[in-house]
Protein backbone atom coordinates (compact mmCIF):
# COMPACT_ATOMS: atom_id res chain seq x y z
CA UNK A 1 1.56 44.05 -0.94
CA UNK A 2 3.42 40.96 -2.13
CA UNK A 3 4.54 40.18 1.40
CA UNK A 4 1.04 40.40 2.87
CA UNK A 5 -0.36 38.28 0.03
CA UNK A 6 2.29 35.62 0.56
CA UNK A 7 1.53 35.60 4.27
CA UNK A 8 -2.20 35.06 3.60
CA UNK A 9 -1.51 32.25 1.12
CA UNK A 10 0.98 30.67 3.53
CA UNK A 11 -1.58 30.86 6.32
CA UNK A 12 -4.14 29.07 4.14
CA UNK A 13 -1.50 26.47 3.37
CA UNK A 14 -0.91 25.99 7.09
CA UNK A 15 -4.61 25.31 7.68
CA UNK A 16 -4.88 22.76 4.83
CA UNK A 17 -1.65 21.03 5.85
CA UNK A 18 -2.87 20.83 9.45
CA UNK A 19 -6.04 19.05 8.26
CA UNK A 20 -3.88 16.57 6.34
CA UNK A 21 -1.59 15.99 9.33
CA UNK A 22 -4.62 15.43 11.59
CA UNK A 23 -6.30 12.96 9.22
CA UNK A 24 -4.88 9.81 10.95
CA UNK A 25 -6.49 10.74 14.29
CA UNK A 26 -9.49 8.55 13.48
CA UNK A 27 -7.19 5.64 12.69
CA UNK A 28 -5.41 5.91 16.03
CA UNK A 29 -8.71 6.20 17.92
CA UNK A 30 -9.55 2.74 16.58
CA UNK A 31 -6.07 1.50 17.51
CA UNK A 32 -6.57 2.77 21.09
CA UNK A 33 -10.02 1.16 21.36
CA UNK A 34 -8.88 -2.20 19.95
CA UNK A 35 -5.41 -1.97 21.52
CA UNK A 36 -4.04 -3.35 18.28
CA UNK A 37 -2.51 -1.87 15.12
CA UNK A 38 -4.26 -4.53 12.99
CA UNK A 39 -3.09 -4.23 9.36
CA UNK A 40 -1.83 -0.65 9.64
CA UNK A 41 1.79 0.19 8.86
CA UNK A 42 4.12 2.66 10.53
CA UNK A 43 6.05 3.59 7.37
CA UNK A 44 3.77 6.52 6.31
CA UNK A 45 4.20 8.21 9.69
CA UNK A 46 7.95 7.56 9.90
CA UNK A 47 8.56 8.97 6.40
CA UNK A 48 6.33 11.98 7.12
CA UNK A 49 8.22 12.64 10.37
CA UNK A 50 11.48 12.70 8.38
CA UNK A 51 10.04 15.12 5.82
CA UNK A 52 8.48 17.50 8.35
CA UNK A 53 11.61 17.49 10.51
CA UNK A 54 13.86 18.49 7.62
CA UNK A 55 11.36 21.11 6.37
CA UNK A 56 11.34 22.58 9.88
CA UNK A 57 15.14 22.75 9.78
CA UNK A 58 14.92 24.35 6.32
CA UNK A 59 12.50 26.98 7.65
CA UNK A 60 14.87 27.80 10.50
CA UNK A 61 17.72 28.37 8.03
CA UNK A 62 15.64 30.41 5.60
CA UNK A 63 15.01 34.11 6.36
CA UNK A 64 11.28 34.69 6.76
CA UNK A 65 10.55 30.96 7.04
CA UNK A 66 8.21 31.29 10.03
CA UNK A 67 5.19 29.78 8.28
CA UNK A 68 7.29 26.82 7.13
CA UNK A 69 8.58 26.23 10.66
CA UNK A 70 5.17 26.43 12.36
CA UNK A 71 3.23 23.96 10.23
CA UNK A 72 6.05 21.45 9.79
CA UNK A 73 6.94 21.68 13.48
CA UNK A 74 3.34 20.84 14.41
CA UNK A 75 3.31 18.08 11.79
CA UNK A 76 6.50 16.56 13.19
CA UNK A 77 5.05 16.52 16.72
CA UNK A 78 1.84 14.82 15.50
CA UNK A 79 3.80 12.19 13.54
CA UNK A 80 5.95 11.45 16.59
CA UNK A 81 2.81 10.91 18.68
CA UNK A 82 1.38 8.57 16.02
CA UNK A 83 4.61 6.56 15.90
CA UNK A 84 4.80 6.21 19.69
CA UNK A 85 1.20 4.96 19.83
CA UNK A 86 1.89 2.55 16.96
CA UNK A 87 4.96 1.11 18.70
CA UNK A 88 3.04 0.70 21.99
CA UNK A 89 0.20 -1.32 20.44
CA UNK A 90 2.06 -3.08 17.60
CA UNK A 91 3.00 -6.78 17.80
CA UNK A 92 6.63 -7.57 18.53
CA UNK A 93 7.81 -7.97 14.92
CA UNK A 94 6.20 -4.69 13.77
CA UNK A 95 7.46 -2.97 16.92
CA UNK A 96 11.08 -3.94 16.17
CA UNK A 97 10.83 -2.99 12.48
CA UNK A 98 9.31 0.40 13.35
CA UNK A 99 11.99 1.19 15.91
CA UNK A 100 14.76 0.24 13.45
CA UNK A 101 13.23 2.37 10.67
CA UNK A 102 12.75 5.29 13.08
CA UNK A 103 16.38 5.08 14.21
CA UNK A 104 17.78 4.80 10.68
CA UNK A 105 15.71 7.56 9.04
CA UNK A 106 14.76 10.08 11.70
CA UNK A 107 17.85 9.79 13.88
CA UNK A 108 20.51 8.51 11.48
CA UNK A 109 19.70 10.14 8.13
CA UNK A 110 18.16 13.37 9.48
CA UNK A 111 20.94 13.66 12.06
CA UNK A 112 23.63 13.33 9.38
CA UNK A 113 21.97 15.95 7.17
CA UNK A 114 21.68 18.44 10.06
CA UNK A 115 25.20 17.75 11.35
CA UNK A 116 26.86 18.04 7.92
CA UNK A 117 24.91 21.20 7.14
CA UNK A 118 25.89 22.92 10.39
CA UNK A 119 29.50 21.72 10.62
CA UNK A 120 30.76 21.36 7.05
CA UNK A 121 28.65 23.80 5.00
CA UNK A 122 28.52 27.55 5.40
CA UNK A 123 26.56 30.53 4.15
CA UNK A 124 23.72 30.31 1.63
CA UNK A 125 24.90 26.87 0.52
CA UNK A 126 23.26 25.45 3.65
CA UNK A 127 19.78 26.40 2.40
CA UNK A 128 20.59 24.92 -1.02
CA UNK A 129 21.68 21.54 0.36
CA UNK A 130 18.76 21.17 2.79
CA UNK A 131 16.32 22.51 0.17
CA UNK A 132 17.39 19.88 -2.37
CA UNK A 133 17.01 17.06 0.18
CA UNK A 134 13.54 18.30 1.20
CA UNK A 135 12.45 18.70 -2.42
CA UNK A 136 13.46 15.11 -3.28
CA UNK A 137 11.56 13.74 -0.25
CA UNK A 138 8.45 15.75 -1.14
CA UNK A 139 8.48 14.62 -4.78
CA UNK A 140 8.68 11.02 -3.55
CA UNK A 141 5.69 11.64 -1.29
CA UNK A 142 3.59 13.14 -4.08
CA UNK A 143 4.57 10.29 -6.44
CA UNK A 144 3.33 7.59 -4.04
CA UNK A 145 -0.34 7.75 -5.23
CA UNK A 146 0.76 6.74 -8.75
CA UNK A 147 -0.13 3.19 -7.71
CA UNK A 148 -3.72 4.34 -7.18
CA UNK A 149 -3.78 5.92 -10.65
CA UNK A 150 -2.53 2.68 -12.23
CA UNK A 151 -5.16 0.67 -10.36
CA UNK A 152 -7.98 3.01 -11.47
CA UNK A 153 -6.94 2.79 -15.12
CA UNK A 154 -6.47 -0.99 -14.99
CA UNK A 155 -9.80 -1.72 -13.30
CA UNK A 156 -11.69 1.22 -14.85
CA UNK A 157 -13.10 1.91 -11.41
CA UNK A 158 -12.47 4.49 -8.65
CA UNK A 159 -13.28 1.97 -5.93
CA UNK A 160 -9.68 1.96 -4.73
CA UNK A 161 -8.99 5.70 -5.06
CA UNK A 162 -9.13 7.77 -1.84
CA UNK A 163 -11.00 10.83 -3.17
CA UNK A 164 -10.59 13.12 -0.16
CA UNK A 165 -6.91 12.30 0.17
CA UNK A 166 -6.39 13.10 -3.52
CA UNK A 167 -8.41 16.31 -3.15
CA UNK A 168 -6.44 17.53 -0.15
CA UNK A 169 -3.16 16.63 -1.88
CA UNK A 170 -4.26 18.74 -4.84
CA UNK A 171 -5.27 21.71 -2.65
CA UNK A 172 -2.20 21.40 -0.42
CA UNK A 173 0.19 21.31 -3.37
CA UNK A 174 -1.63 24.13 -5.15
CA UNK A 175 -1.54 26.54 -2.18
CA UNK A 176 2.12 25.86 -1.40
CA UNK A 177 3.01 26.22 -5.09
CA UNK A 178 1.39 29.66 -5.07
CA UNK A 179 3.21 30.56 -1.84
CA UNK A 180 6.58 29.45 -3.24
CA UNK A 181 5.97 31.52 -6.37
CA UNK A 182 5.23 34.62 -4.30
CA UNK A 183 8.33 34.23 -2.11
CA UNK A 184 10.45 32.91 -5.02
CA UNK A 185 11.36 29.65 -3.29
CA UNK A 186 12.06 27.04 -5.97
CA UNK A 187 12.86 24.30 -3.47
CA UNK A 188 9.23 24.42 -2.36
CA UNK A 189 7.83 25.31 -5.76
CA UNK A 190 9.16 22.39 -7.84
CA UNK A 191 7.96 19.46 -5.64
CA UNK A 192 4.61 21.11 -4.90
CA UNK A 193 4.16 21.87 -8.61
CA UNK A 194 4.69 18.15 -9.31
CA UNK A 195 2.17 17.32 -6.57
CA UNK A 196 -0.34 19.77 -8.03
CA UNK A 197 -0.15 18.13 -11.47
CA UNK A 198 -0.43 14.60 -10.05
CA UNK A 199 -3.34 15.61 -7.81
CA UNK A 200 -5.13 17.19 -10.77
CA UNK A 201 -4.58 14.01 -12.78
CA UNK A 202 -6.17 11.91 -10.02
CA UNK A 203 -9.21 14.17 -9.84
CA UNK A 204 -9.63 14.02 -13.63
CA UNK A 205 -9.45 10.22 -13.52
CA UNK A 206 -12.03 10.18 -10.75
CA UNK A 207 -14.38 12.33 -12.83
CA UNK A 208 -13.91 9.99 -15.84
CA UNK A 209 -14.44 6.69 -14.01
CA UNK A 210 -16.80 7.61 -11.15
CA UNK A 211 -19.95 6.73 -13.16
CA UNK A 212 -18.47 3.65 -14.79
CA UNK A 213 -20.10 0.38 -13.72
CA UNK A 214 -18.09 -1.57 -11.22
CA UNK A 215 -16.07 -4.39 -12.80
CA UNK A 216 -17.68 -7.81 -12.57
CA UNK A 217 -14.36 -9.25 -11.44
CA UNK A 218 -12.58 -7.47 -8.65
CA UNK A 219 -8.85 -7.92 -8.11
CA UNK A 220 -9.35 -10.27 -5.20
CA UNK A 221 -11.53 -12.66 -7.25
CA UNK A 222 -8.94 -13.50 -9.88
CA UNK A 223 -6.88 -16.01 -7.92
CA UNK A 224 -9.81 -17.96 -6.43
CA UNK A 225 -11.33 -18.35 -9.92
CA UNK A 226 -8.08 -19.75 -11.23
CA UNK A 227 -7.94 -22.16 -8.33
CA UNK A 228 -11.52 -23.29 -8.95
CA UNK A 229 -10.58 -24.03 -12.53
CA UNK A 230 -7.52 -25.94 -11.36
CA UNK A 231 -9.68 -27.91 -8.94
CA UNK A 232 -12.10 -28.80 -11.73
CA UNK A 233 -9.29 -29.96 -13.99
CA UNK A 234 -7.84 -31.99 -11.17
CA UNK A 235 -11.18 -33.69 -10.56
CA UNK A 236 -11.39 -34.63 -14.23
CA UNK A 237 -7.82 -35.84 -14.09
CA UNK A 238 -8.62 -38.02 -11.08
CA UNK A 239 -11.62 -39.50 -12.86
CA UNK A 240 -9.59 -40.32 -15.95
CA UNK A 241 -6.74 -41.63 -13.86
CA UNK A 242 -9.04 -44.04 -12.07
CA UNK A 243 -10.43 -45.28 -15.38
CA UNK A 244 -7.10 -45.68 -17.15
CA UNK A 245 -5.48 -49.11 -16.76
CA UNK A 246 -1.73 -49.25 -16.35
CA UNK A 247 0.47 -52.13 -17.38
CA UNK A 248 2.01 -52.55 -13.95
CA UNK A 249 -1.44 -52.44 -12.29
CA UNK A 250 -2.86 -55.42 -14.25
CA UNK A 251 -2.57 -58.62 -12.31
CA UNK A 252 -3.63 -62.21 -12.91
CA UNK A 253 -7.27 -63.14 -12.15
CA UNK A 254 -8.29 -65.54 -9.48
CA UNK A 255 -10.45 -68.58 -10.10
CA UNK A 256 -13.58 -67.04 -8.62
CA UNK A 257 -14.09 -64.48 -11.40
CA UNK A 258 -16.88 -65.75 -13.66
CA UNK A 259 -19.50 -64.48 -16.11
CA UNK A 260 -22.42 -62.93 -14.16
CA UNK A 261 -25.95 -62.06 -15.41
CA UNK A 262 -25.08 -62.76 -19.03
CA UNK A 263 -22.27 -60.18 -19.05
CA UNK A 264 -18.93 -61.32 -20.39
CA UNK A 265 -16.23 -60.69 -17.79
CA UNK A 266 -12.68 -59.84 -18.79
CA UNK A 267 -10.92 -62.93 -20.10
CA UNK A 268 -10.05 -65.16 -17.15
CA UNK A 269 -11.40 -62.43 -14.87
CA UNK A 270 -8.62 -59.80 -15.23
CA UNK A 271 -9.21 -56.91 -12.81
CA UNK A 272 -7.91 -53.35 -12.56
CA UNK A 273 -6.38 -51.86 -9.46
CA UNK A 274 -6.78 -48.14 -8.59
CA UNK A 275 -3.51 -46.26 -9.11
CA UNK A 276 -3.11 -45.52 -5.43
CA UNK A 277 0.14 -43.57 -5.46
CA UNK A 278 -1.03 -41.05 -8.09
CA UNK A 279 -4.45 -40.70 -6.44
CA UNK A 280 -2.91 -40.12 -3.01
CA UNK A 281 -0.60 -37.41 -4.31
CA UNK A 282 -3.41 -35.49 -6.03
CA UNK A 283 -5.84 -35.83 -3.13
CA UNK A 284 -3.20 -34.46 -0.76
CA UNK A 285 -3.16 -31.17 -2.70
CA UNK A 286 -6.94 -30.60 -2.40
CA UNK A 287 -6.86 -29.03 1.12
CA UNK A 288 -4.43 -26.37 -0.08
CA UNK A 289 -6.69 -25.50 -3.01
CA UNK A 290 -9.76 -25.41 -0.83
CA UNK A 291 -7.94 -23.12 1.62
CA UNK A 292 -7.09 -20.74 -1.23
CA UNK A 293 -10.73 -20.71 -2.34
CA UNK A 294 -11.72 -19.55 1.15
CA UNK A 295 -9.55 -16.39 1.03
CA UNK A 296 -11.46 -13.19 1.68
CA UNK A 297 -11.17 -9.97 -0.36
CA UNK A 298 -8.39 -8.60 1.86
CA UNK A 299 -6.39 -11.80 2.31
CA UNK A 300 -4.72 -11.16 -1.06
CA UNK A 301 -2.02 -8.48 -1.02
CA UNK A 302 -2.17 -5.70 -3.57
CA UNK A 303 0.09 -2.77 -4.28
CA UNK A 304 -2.86 -0.58 -3.33
CA UNK A 305 -5.74 -1.75 -1.13
CA UNK A 306 -7.91 -0.82 1.77
CA UNK A 307 -7.08 -1.87 5.31
CA UNK A 308 -9.03 -4.18 7.62
CA UNK A 309 -11.48 -1.43 8.60
CA UNK A 310 -12.02 -0.32 5.02
CA UNK A 311 -9.96 2.84 5.32
CA UNK A 312 -7.01 3.87 3.18
CA UNK A 313 -3.90 3.88 5.32
CA UNK A 314 -2.02 6.87 3.93
CA UNK A 315 -0.91 10.36 4.75
CA UNK A 316 0.45 13.42 3.05
CA UNK A 317 2.56 16.25 4.32
CA UNK A 318 3.10 19.88 3.32
């Protein structure tokens, strides 16, 4: 009875994980149409490929790990396809960085773990070593949305929280936590339990802040407002600078300066010269300020933001 129940729960977990793995398909459709990776990054897919590859290896070592092998094997294949497409359409600098990261993590690190496990470790200790590595990677994956939680609390708005991604993370972690409890697999249970708690916390925050009015000042408006203030102060400074006489700028009058229309001129016609050097320096900084004022909402980098097409660029794995 326990075995059949665990199989059913594991099957449900496979279906949910497959939906999560397939979520970037829409993103890569746009990449294919535009033939450009735009502002997307390859790091989520490279890290997910590493995780799914090692979980597949763990499932092969573990007796009765068929369900673990099937879903993570499919996930690894999908991530590899995403990475290949990204490298094909990425600009040269992103292409090189992606290839280096792929070689270091998915060939170097994963290769070392597999080689050491097979050559230097024997018996049940193999499962322990690979299980610990996989658990650490999964906890890191589930901890990544903490940036979104911090942003929601700081802005008191769910504008930057990907609801469906948080929901699927919660469901995915919950199902695999139940499966790990049934099969008594703590290497799967601990990281998915952490993911379940974090996913629940995100959903609670969403329920709290979803009806809150949107903040009058969004994160991308802060810098331009500061620059406007700086520009205003600079304008006042220029005005005062032009009015303020300096000792070195006062020069002797010429003979043609006289009293006009009953107004007393400065004694012997003393005149003031504009402080050219100071004025030139301050005027030269205006284009930079004006350029900053023209920044759009997505020209300012945040720890958590939407991409060029308005979609959160993220992914979870089982």
